[in-house]
Amino acid sequence: AQFIWSTSTSDRDPHAIYADFSQAG
């Protein structure tokens, strides 16, 4: 019933989400 910060991928093996940006844009 509450909003929570919880963000994962891979079922039953939670991995946090990342993105790499090599240059501005």
PDB file of all heavy atoms in Angstrom:
ATOM      1  N   ALA A   1       0.812  -1.212   0.000  1.00  0.00           N
ATOM      2  CA  ALA A   1       0.000   0.000   0.000  1.00  0.00           C
ATOM      3  C   ALA A   1       0.851   1.271   0.000  1.00  0.00           C
ATOM      4  O   ALA A   1       0.306   2.375   0.060  1.00  0.00           O
ATOM      5  CB  ALA A   1      -0.947   0.007   1.212  1.00  0.00           C
ATOM      6  N   GLN A   2       2.174   1.120  -0.071  1.00  0.00           N
ATOM      7  CA  GLN A   2       3.074   2.267   0.007  1.00  0.00           C
ATOM      8  C   GLN A   2       3.993   2.332  -1.218  1.00  0.00           C
ATOM      9  O   GLN A   2       4.397   1.309  -1.762  1.00  0.00           O
ATOM     10  CB  GLN A   2       3.938   2.189   1.279  1.00  0.00           C
ATOM     11  CG  GLN A   2       3.151   2.180   2.573  1.00  0.00           C
ATOM     12  CD  GLN A   2       2.443   3.508   2.818  1.00  0.00           C
ATOM     13  OE1 GLN A   2       2.965   4.571   2.478  1.00  0.00           O
ATOM     14  NE2 GLN A   2       1.261   3.434   3.419  1.00  0.00           N
ATOM     15  N   PHE A   3       4.327   3.553  -1.603  1.00  0.00           N
ATOM     16  CA  PHE A   3       5.380   3.743  -2.589  1.00  0.00           C
ATOM     17  C   PHE A   3       6.720   3.391  -1.936  1.00  0.00           C
ATOM     18  O   PHE A   3       6.990   3.799  -0.807  1.00  0.00           O
ATOM     19  CB  PHE A   3       5.436   5.197  -3.054  1.00  0.00           C
ATOM     20  CG  PHE A   3       4.363   5.584  -4.041  1.00  0.00           C
ATOM     21  CD1 PHE A   3       3.199   6.195  -3.614  1.00  0.00           C
ATOM     22  CD2 PHE A   3       4.532   5.326  -5.398  1.00  0.00           C
ATOM     23  CE1 PHE A   3       2.220   6.562  -4.524  1.00  0.00           C
ATOM     24  CE2 PHE A   3       3.566   5.682  -6.318  1.00  0.00           C
ATOM     25  CZ  PHE A   3       2.399   6.305  -5.883  1.00  0.00           C
ATOM     26  N   ILE A   4       7.553   2.634  -2.663  1.00  0.00           N
ATOM     27  CA  ILE A   4       8.888   2.346  -2.158  1.00  0.00           C
ATOM     28  C   ILE A   4       9.908   2.471  -3.292  1.00  0.00           C
ATOM     29  O   ILE A   4       9.584   2.315  -4.473  1.00  0.00           O
ATOM     30  CB  ILE A   4       8.999   0.947  -1.519  1.00  0.00           C
ATOM     31  CG1 ILE A   4       8.798  -0.158  -2.573  1.00  0.00           C
ATOM     32  CG2 ILE A   4       8.032   0.782  -0.366  1.00  0.00           C
ATOM     33  CD1 ILE A   4       9.136  -1.557  -2.060  1.00  0.00           C
ATOM     34  N   TRP A   5      11.146   2.781  -2.909  1.00  0.00           N
ATOM     35  CA  TRP A   5      12.268   2.769  -3.843  1.00  0.00           C
ATOM     36  C   TRP A   5      12.820   1.352  -3.887  1.00  0.00           C
ATOM     37  O   TRP A   5      13.476   0.899  -2.944  1.00  0.00           O
ATOM     38  CB  TRP A   5      13.350   3.742  -3.404  1.00  0.00           C
ATOM     39  CG  TRP A   5      12.950   5.188  -3.476  1.00  0.00           C
ATOM     40  CD1 TRP A   5      12.414   5.950  -2.479  1.00  0.00           C
ATOM     41  CD2 TRP A   5      13.069   6.042  -4.617  1.00  0.00           C
ATOM     42  NE1 TRP A   5      12.180   7.231  -2.919  1.00  0.00           N
ATOM     43  CE2 TRP A   5      12.574   7.320  -4.235  1.00  0.00           C
ATOM     44  CE3 TRP A   5      13.537   5.868  -5.925  1.00  0.00           C
ATOM     45  CZ2 TRP A   5      12.542   8.402  -5.110  1.00  0.00           C
ATOM     46  CZ3 TRP A   5      13.515   6.946  -6.792  1.00  0.00           C
ATOM     47  CH2 TRP A   5      13.019   8.188  -6.391  1.00  0.00           C
ATOM     48  N   SER A   6      12.526   0.654  -4.968  1.00  0.00           N
ATOM     49  CA  SER A   6      13.010  -0.714  -5.139  1.00  0.00           C
ATOM     50  C   SER A   6      13.055  -0.982  -6.640  1.00  0.00           C
ATOM     51  O   SER A   6      12.009  -1.004  -7.297  1.00  0.00           O
ATOM     52  CB  SER A   6      12.073  -1.710  -4.452  1.00  0.00           C
ATOM     53  OG  SER A   6      12.498  -3.045  -4.663  1.00  0.00           O
ATOM     54  N   THR A   7      14.268  -1.182  -7.183  1.00  0.00           N
ATOM     55  CA  THR A   7      14.442  -1.203  -8.639  1.00  0.00           C
ATOM     56  C   THR A   7      15.465  -2.267  -9.016  1.00  0.00           C
ATOM     57  O   THR A   7      16.665  -2.079  -8.820  1.00  0.00           O
ATOM     58  CB  THR A   7      14.925   0.182  -9.126  1.00  0.00           C
ATOM     59  OG1 THR A   7      14.104   1.207  -8.567  1.00  0.00           O
ATOM     60  CG2 THR A   7      14.902   0.267 -10.637  1.00  0.00           C
ATOM     61  N   SER A   8      14.991  -3.388  -9.549  1.00  0.00           N
ATOM     62  CA  SER A   8      15.901  -4.504  -9.854  1.00  0.00           C
ATOM     63  C   SER A   8      15.503  -5.194 -11.141  1.00  0.00           C
ATOM     64  O   SER A   8      14.360  -5.097 -11.598  1.00  0.00           O
ATOM     65  CB  SER A   8      15.878  -5.531  -8.711  1.00  0.00           C
ATOM     66  OG  SER A   8      16.262  -4.967  -7.482  1.00  0.00           O
ATOM     67  N   THR A   9      16.449  -5.929 -11.701  1.00  0.00           N
ATOM     68  CA  THR A   9      16.182  -6.843 -12.806  1.00  0.00           C
ATOM     69  C   THR A   9      16.787  -8.186 -12.469  1.00  0.00           C
ATOM     70  O   THR A   9      17.629  -8.285 -11.566  1.00  0.00           O
ATOM     71  CB  THR A   9      16.746  -6.294 -14.132  1.00  0.00           C
ATOM     72  OG1 THR A   9      16.188  -7.037 -15.220  1.00  0.00           O
ATOM     73  CG2 THR A   9      18.264  -6.369 -14.177  1.00  0.00           C
ATOM     74  N   SER A  10      16.372  -9.237 -13.180  1.00  0.00           N
ATOM     75  CA  SER A  10      16.803 -10.622 -12.982  1.00  0.00           C
ATOM     76  C   SER A  10      16.054 -11.239 -11.800  1.00  0.00           C
ATOM     77  O   SER A  10      16.359 -10.953 -10.629  1.00  0.00           O
ATOM     78  CB  SER A  10      18.313 -10.753 -12.789  1.00  0.00           C
ATOM     79  OG  SER A  10      18.726 -12.108 -12.875  1.00  0.00           O
ATOM     80  N   ASP A  11      15.076 -12.085 -12.105  1.00  0.00           N
ATOM     81  CA  ASP A  11      14.215 -12.683 -11.078  1.00  0.00           C
ATOM     82  C   ASP A  11      15.013 -13.492 -10.058  1.00  0.00           C
ATOM     83  O   ASP A  11      15.888 -14.277 -10.414  1.00  0.00           O
ATOM     84  CB  ASP A  11      13.185 -13.603 -11.743  1.00  0.00           C
ATOM     85  CG  ASP A  11      12.174 -12.829 -12.578  1.00  0.00           C
ATOM     86  OD1 ASP A  11      12.158 -11.588 -12.500  1.00  0.00           O
ATOM     87  OD2 ASP A  11      11.402 -13.489 -13.318  1.00  0.00           O
ATOM     88  N   ARG A  12      14.689 -13.278  -8.800  1.00  0.00           N
ATOM     89  CA  ARG A  12      15.285 -13.994  -7.660  1.00  0.00           C
ATOM     90  C   ARG A  12      16.803 -13.816  -7.574  1.00  0.00           C
ATOM     91  O   ARG A  12      17.477 -14.527  -6.841  1.00  0.00           O
ATOM     92  CB  ARG A  12      14.925 -15.499  -7.714  1.00  0.00           C
ATOM     93  CG  ARG A  12      13.436 -15.779  -7.626  1.00  0.00           C
ATOM     94  CD  ARG A  12      13.116 -17.233  -7.850  1.00  0.00           C
ATOM     95  NE  ARG A  12      13.498 -17.658  -9.193  1.00  0.00           N
ATOM     96  CZ  ARG A  12      12.767 -17.423 -10.295  1.00  0.00           C
ATOM     97  NH1 ARG A  12      11.630 -16.762 -10.188  1.00  0.00           N
ATOM     98  NH2 ARG A  12      13.180 -17.830 -11.478  1.00  0.00           N
ATOM     99  N   ASP A  13      17.315 -12.884  -8.331  1.00  0.00           N
ATOM    100  CA  ASP A  13      18.746 -12.573  -8.310  1.00  0.00           C
ATOM    101  C   ASP A  13      18.895 -11.073  -8.602  1.00  0.00           C
ATOM    102  O   ASP A  13      19.443 -10.681  -9.629  1.00  0.00           O
ATOM    103  CB  ASP A  13      19.482 -13.406  -9.363  1.00  0.00           C
ATOM    104  CG  ASP A  13      20.983 -13.196  -9.335  1.00  0.00           C
ATOM    105  OD1 ASP A  13      21.524 -12.868  -8.261  1.00  0.00           O
ATOM    106  OD2 ASP A  13      21.624 -13.355 -10.405  1.00  0.00           O
ATOM    107  N   PRO A  14      18.380 -10.233  -7.713  1.00  0.00           N
ATOM    108  CA  PRO A  14      18.217  -8.809  -8.028  1.00  0.00           C
ATOM    109  C   PRO A  14      19.522  -8.082  -8.328  1.00  0.00           C
ATOM    110  O   PRO A  14      20.470  -8.113  -7.553  1.00  0.00           O
ATOM    111  CB  PRO A  14      17.544  -8.240  -6.774  1.00  0.00           C
ATOM    112  CG  PRO A  14      17.877  -9.215  -5.683  1.00  0.00           C
ATOM    113  CD  PRO A  14      17.943 -10.543  -6.333  1.00  0.00           C
ATOM    114  N   HIS A  15      19.538  -7.432  -9.499  1.00  0.00           N
ATOM    115  CA  HIS A  15      20.652  -6.594  -9.936  1.00  0.00           C
ATOM    116  C   HIS A  15      20.144  -5.160 -10.079  1.00  0.00           C
ATOM    117  O   HIS A  15      19.073  -4.930 -10.656  1.00  0.00           O
ATOM    118  CB  HIS A  15      21.194  -7.069 -11.286  1.00  0.00           C
ATOM    119  CG  HIS A  15      22.021  -8.315 -11.229  1.00  0.00           C
ATOM    120  ND1 HIS A  15      21.529  -9.520 -10.757  1.00  0.00           N
ATOM    121  CD2 HIS A  15      23.314  -8.554 -11.604  1.00  0.00           C
ATOM    122  CE1 HIS A  15      22.482 -10.443 -10.835  1.00  0.00           C
ATOM    123  NE2 HIS A  15      23.575  -9.877 -11.344  1.00  0.00           N
ATOM    124  N   ALA A  16      20.915  -4.216  -9.551  1.00  0.00           N
ATOM    125  CA  ALA A  16      20.572  -2.804  -9.710  1.00  0.00           C
ATOM    126  C   ALA A  16      20.789  -2.389 -11.169  1.00  0.00           C
ATOM    127  O   ALA A  16      21.552  -3.023 -11.900  1.00  0.00           O
ATOM    128  CB  ALA A  16      21.415  -1.938  -8.774  1.00  0.00           C
ATOM    129  N   ILE A  17      20.141  -1.299 -11.577  1.00  0.00           N
ATOM    130  CA  ILE A  17      20.155  -0.864 -12.978  1.00  0.00           C
ATOM    131  C   ILE A  17      21.150   0.272 -13.171  1.00  0.00           C
ATOM    132  O   ILE A  17      21.135   1.265 -12.435  1.00  0.00           O
ATOM    133  CB  ILE A  17      18.759  -0.396 -13.415  1.00  0.00           C
ATOM    134  CG1 ILE A  17      17.710  -1.478 -13.123  1.00  0.00           C
ATOM    135  CG2 ILE A  17      18.760  -0.016 -14.893  1.00  0.00           C
ATOM    136  CD1 ILE A  17      17.926  -2.764 -13.860  1.00  0.00           C
ATOM    137  N   TYR A  18      22.006   0.136 -14.204  1.00  0.00           N
ATOM    138  CA  TYR A  18      23.021   1.154 -14.496  1.00  0.00           C
ATOM    139  C   TYR A  18      23.046   1.472 -15.992  1.00  0.00           C
ATOM    140  O   TYR A  18      22.661   0.644 -16.836  1.00  0.00           O
ATOM    141  CB  TYR A  18      24.407   0.678 -14.071  1.00  0.00           C
ATOM    142  CG  TYR A  18      24.616   0.666 -12.578  1.00  0.00           C
ATOM    143  CD1 TYR A  18      24.241  -0.445 -11.817  1.00  0.00           C
ATOM    144  CD2 TYR A  18      25.179   1.763 -11.920  1.00  0.00           C
ATOM    145  CE1 TYR A  18      24.420  -0.458 -10.435  1.00  0.00           C
ATOM    146  CE2 TYR A  18      25.370   1.761 -10.545  1.00  0.00           C
ATOM    147  CZ  TYR A  18      24.989   0.648  -9.811  1.00  0.00           C
ATOM    148  OH  TYR A  18      25.170   0.645  -8.446  1.00  0.00           O
ATOM    149  N   ALA A  19      23.549   2.676 -16.294  1.00  0.00           N
ATOM    150  CA  ALA A  19      23.781   3.088 -17.685  1.00  0.00           C
ATOM    151  C   ALA A  19      25.055   3.920 -17.723  1.00  0.00           C
ATOM    152  O   ALA A  19      25.268   4.783 -16.871  1.00  0.00           O
ATOM    153  CB  ALA A  19      22.605   3.888 -18.226  1.00  0.00           C
ATOM    154  N   ASP A  20      25.898   3.634 -18.712  1.00  0.00           N
ATOM    155  CA  ASP A  20      27.155   4.380 -18.892  1.00  0.00           C
ATOM    156  C   ASP A  20      27.010   5.354 -20.061  1.00  0.00           C
ATOM    157  O   ASP A  20      26.541   4.966 -21.145  1.00  0.00           O
ATOM    158  CB  ASP A  20      28.313   3.427 -19.194  1.00  0.00           C
ATOM    159  CG  ASP A  20      28.704   2.564 -18.007  1.00  0.00           C
ATOM    160  OD1 ASP A  20      28.162   2.789 -16.901  1.00  0.00           O
ATOM    161  OD2 ASP A  20      29.547   1.660 -18.194  1.00  0.00           O
ATOM    162  N   PHE A  21      27.439   6.589 -19.845  1.00  0.00           N
ATOM    163  CA  PHE A  21      27.428   7.622 -20.883  1.00  0.00           C
ATOM    164  C   PHE A  21      28.857   8.129 -21.059  1.00  0.00           C
ATOM    165  O   PHE A  21      29.432   8.695 -20.125  1.00  0.00           O
ATOM    166  CB  PHE A  21      26.511   8.776 -20.490  1.00  0.00           C
ATOM    167  CG  PHE A  21      25.085   8.359 -20.201  1.00  0.00           C
ATOM    168  CD1 PHE A  21      24.671   8.091 -18.889  1.00  0.00           C
ATOM    169  CD2 PHE A  21      24.164   8.222 -21.225  1.00  0.00           C
ATOM    170  CE1 PHE A  21      23.366   7.705 -18.613  1.00  0.00           C
ATOM    171  CE2 PHE A  21      22.852   7.829 -20.966  1.00  0.00           C
ATOM    172  CZ  PHE A  21      22.453   7.571 -19.657  1.00  0.00           C
ATOM    173  N   SER A  22      29.427   7.921 -22.238  1.00  0.00           N
ATOM    174  CA  SER A  22      30.818   8.294 -22.459  1.00  0.00           C
ATOM    175  C   SER A  22      30.990   9.762 -22.824  1.00  0.00           C
ATOM    176  O   SER A  22      32.095  10.296 -22.746  1.00  0.00           O
ATOM    177  CB  SER A  22      31.426   7.423 -23.569  1.00  0.00           C
ATOM    178  OG  SER A  22      30.760   7.649 -24.798  1.00  0.00           O
ATOM    179  N   GLN A  23      29.912  10.402 -23.243  1.00  0.00           N
ATOM    180  CA  GLN A  23      30.014  11.816 -23.599  1.00  0.00           C
ATOM    181  C   GLN A  23      28.710  12.529 -23.296  1.00  0.00           C
ATOM    182  O   GLN A  23      27.651  11.905 -23.195  1.00  0.00           O
ATOM    183  CB  GLN A  23      30.370  11.976 -25.076  1.00  0.00           C
ATOM    184  CG  GLN A  23      29.361  11.415 -26.051  1.00  0.00           C
ATOM    185  CD  GLN A  23      29.812  11.573 -27.500  1.00  0.00           C
ATOM    186  OE1 GLN A  23      30.861  12.128 -27.787  1.00  0.00           O
ATOM    187  NE2 GLN A  23      29.006  11.088 -28.431  1.00  0.00           N
ATOM    188  N   ALA A  24      28.820  13.847 -23.122  1.00  0.00           N
ATOM    189  CA  ALA A  24      27.639  14.650 -22.877  1.00  0.00           C
ATOM    190  C   ALA A  24      26.733  14.620 -24.096  1.00  0.00           C
ATOM    191  O   ALA A  24      27.184  14.485 -25.227  1.00  0.00           O
ATOM    192  CB  ALA A  24      28.047  16.088 -22.541  1.00  0.00           C
ATOM    193  N   GLY A  25      25.438  14.752 -23.863  1.00  0.00           N
ATOM    194  CA  GLY A  25      24.491  14.752 -24.975  1.00  0.00           C
ATOM    195  C   GLY A  25      23.095  14.435 -24.488  1.00  0.00           C
ATOM    196  O   GLY A  25      22.850  14.275 -23.282  1.00  0.00           O
TER     197      GLY A  25
END
